[in-house]
């Protein structure tokens, strides 16, 4: 099934040369940044239509629905477009790990500059 992106949304996007837009994925209630992924127009359209986090895998060159194999699904609560149109913020209710390594977030492995205690 094809999911066309609303032309009004599509016209606002600034895509990379390979037709993708950056997606920052955040837990909707805690605002914890979970991951960064890429979206094609179809991935964004599917996400908006199904409320399932759907992204474009640059390594596999295909769409993937977060949690389709792991069970760690993302129920999309809200999607926001940034002021430049080159990034979307995807607010989700994450079930289980967001990172492919099994961690809750892709950003808890290395702290380069410690925050204040």
Protein backbone atom coordinates (compact mmCIF):
# COMPACT_ATOMS: atom_id res chain seq x y z
CA UNK A 1 0.00 0.00 0.00
CA UNK A 2 1.35 3.39 -0.97
CA UNK A 3 1.16 6.38 1.33
CA UNK A 4 1.47 9.68 -0.56
CA UNK A 5 2.70 12.66 1.43
CA UNK A 6 0.34 15.61 1.64
CA UNK A 7 1.60 18.15 -0.96
CA UNK A 8 1.32 20.97 1.58
CA UNK A 9 3.77 19.15 3.85
CA UNK A 10 5.99 17.96 1.00
CA UNK A 11 6.43 21.52 -0.29
CA UNK A 12 7.83 22.63 3.07
CA UNK A 13 10.50 19.92 3.32
CA UNK A 14 14.16 20.55 2.53
CA UNK A 15 15.57 17.14 1.72
CA UNK A 16 19.13 15.90 1.41
CA UNK A 17 20.46 15.13 -2.06
CA UNK A 18 19.18 11.57 -1.65
CA UNK A 19 15.65 12.78 -0.83
CA UNK A 20 15.68 12.31 2.93
CA UNK A 21 14.87 14.48 5.93
CA UNK A 22 16.41 14.07 9.38
CA UNK A 23 14.09 12.82 12.12
CA UNK A 24 14.86 13.42 15.79
CA UNK A 25 12.85 10.98 17.89
CA UNK A 26 11.93 11.98 21.43
CA UNK A 27 9.90 10.35 24.22
CA UNK A 28 6.74 12.46 24.33
CA UNK A 29 6.36 12.80 28.11
CA UNK A 30 9.96 12.95 29.39
CA UNK A 31 11.47 14.66 26.31
CA UNK A 32 14.33 12.15 26.38
CA UNK A 33 16.02 12.05 22.97
CA UNK A 34 15.83 8.42 21.88
CA UNK A 35 17.36 8.30 18.41
CA UNK A 36 17.99 10.07 15.13
CA UNK A 37 16.86 8.50 11.87
CA UNK A 38 16.08 9.44 8.28
CA UNK A 39 12.71 9.69 6.58
CA UNK A 40 11.75 9.59 2.94
CA UNK A 41 8.47 11.20 1.89
CA UNK A 42 6.81 7.79 2.08
CA UNK A 43 8.23 7.09 5.55
CA UNK A 44 6.87 10.40 6.81
CA UNK A 45 3.51 9.82 5.13
CA UNK A 46 3.27 6.30 6.65
CA UNK A 47 4.20 7.66 10.07
CA UNK A 48 1.49 10.31 9.86
CA UNK A 49 -1.12 7.84 8.57
CA UNK A 50 -0.40 4.89 10.87
CA UNK A 51 1.12 6.59 13.92
CA UNK A 52 3.91 3.99 13.86
CA UNK A 53 7.49 5.27 13.68
CA UNK A 54 8.52 4.50 10.09
CA UNK A 55 11.93 5.41 8.72
CA UNK A 56 14.26 4.95 5.76
CA UNK A 57 17.21 2.63 6.31
CA UNK A 58 20.17 4.04 4.39
CA UNK A 59 22.18 0.84 4.94
CA UNK A 60 19.42 -1.50 3.71
CA UNK A 61 17.92 1.00 1.25
CA UNK A 62 14.37 0.26 2.42
CA UNK A 63 11.58 1.42 4.71
CA UNK A 64 11.50 0.02 8.23
CA UNK A 65 8.89 0.26 10.94
CA UNK A 66 10.50 0.66 14.35
CA UNK A 67 9.82 -2.47 16.37
CA UNK A 68 8.56 -4.64 13.50
CA UNK A 69 11.15 -7.30 14.35
CA UNK A 70 12.20 -6.36 17.91
CA UNK A 71 8.77 -5.58 19.34
CA UNK A 72 10.14 -2.25 20.63
CA UNK A 73 7.51 -0.16 18.88
CA UNK A 74 7.03 3.58 18.73
CA UNK A 75 3.50 4.89 19.02
CA UNK A 76 3.67 8.34 17.45
CA UNK A 77 1.98 11.04 19.49
CA UNK A 78 2.96 14.10 17.48
CA UNK A 79 5.18 15.14 14.56
CA UNK A 80 6.58 18.65 14.24
CA UNK A 81 8.44 20.27 11.36
CA UNK A 82 11.28 22.62 12.27
CA UNK A 83 11.42 26.22 11.05
CA UNK A 84 13.81 25.40 8.19
CA UNK A 85 11.91 22.33 6.99
CA UNK A 86 15.01 20.15 7.14
CA UNK A 87 14.24 18.20 10.33
CA UNK A 88 11.17 16.64 11.84
CA UNK A 89 10.67 16.04 15.54
CA UNK A 90 8.81 12.79 16.18
CA UNK A 91 7.31 12.57 19.65
CA UNK A 92 6.65 8.95 20.54
CA UNK A 93 5.66 6.59 23.30
CA UNK A 94 8.56 4.16 23.12
CA UNK A 95 8.04 0.56 24.16
CA UNK A 96 11.34 -1.05 25.16
CA UNK A 97 14.70 -0.08 23.72
CA UNK A 98 14.94 2.56 21.01
CA UNK A 99 18.56 1.78 20.10
CA UNK A 100 19.53 -1.23 17.97
CA UNK A 101 22.13 -2.04 20.67
CA UNK A 102 19.36 -2.74 23.16
CA UNK A 103 19.81 0.51 25.10
CA UNK A 104 16.83 2.68 25.94
CA UNK A 105 18.31 5.54 23.89
CA UNK A 106 21.05 5.82 21.29
CA UNK A 107 22.56 8.63 23.38
CA UNK A 108 23.52 6.91 26.62
CA UNK A 109 26.76 5.18 25.59
CA UNK A 110 29.34 7.98 25.80
CA UNK A 111 29.26 11.27 27.67
CA UNK A 112 31.74 13.66 26.07
CA UNK A 113 31.09 16.61 28.32
CA UNK A 114 29.54 15.80 31.70
CA UNK A 115 26.59 17.85 32.83
CA UNK A 116 26.36 19.57 36.18
CA UNK A 117 25.45 17.38 39.13
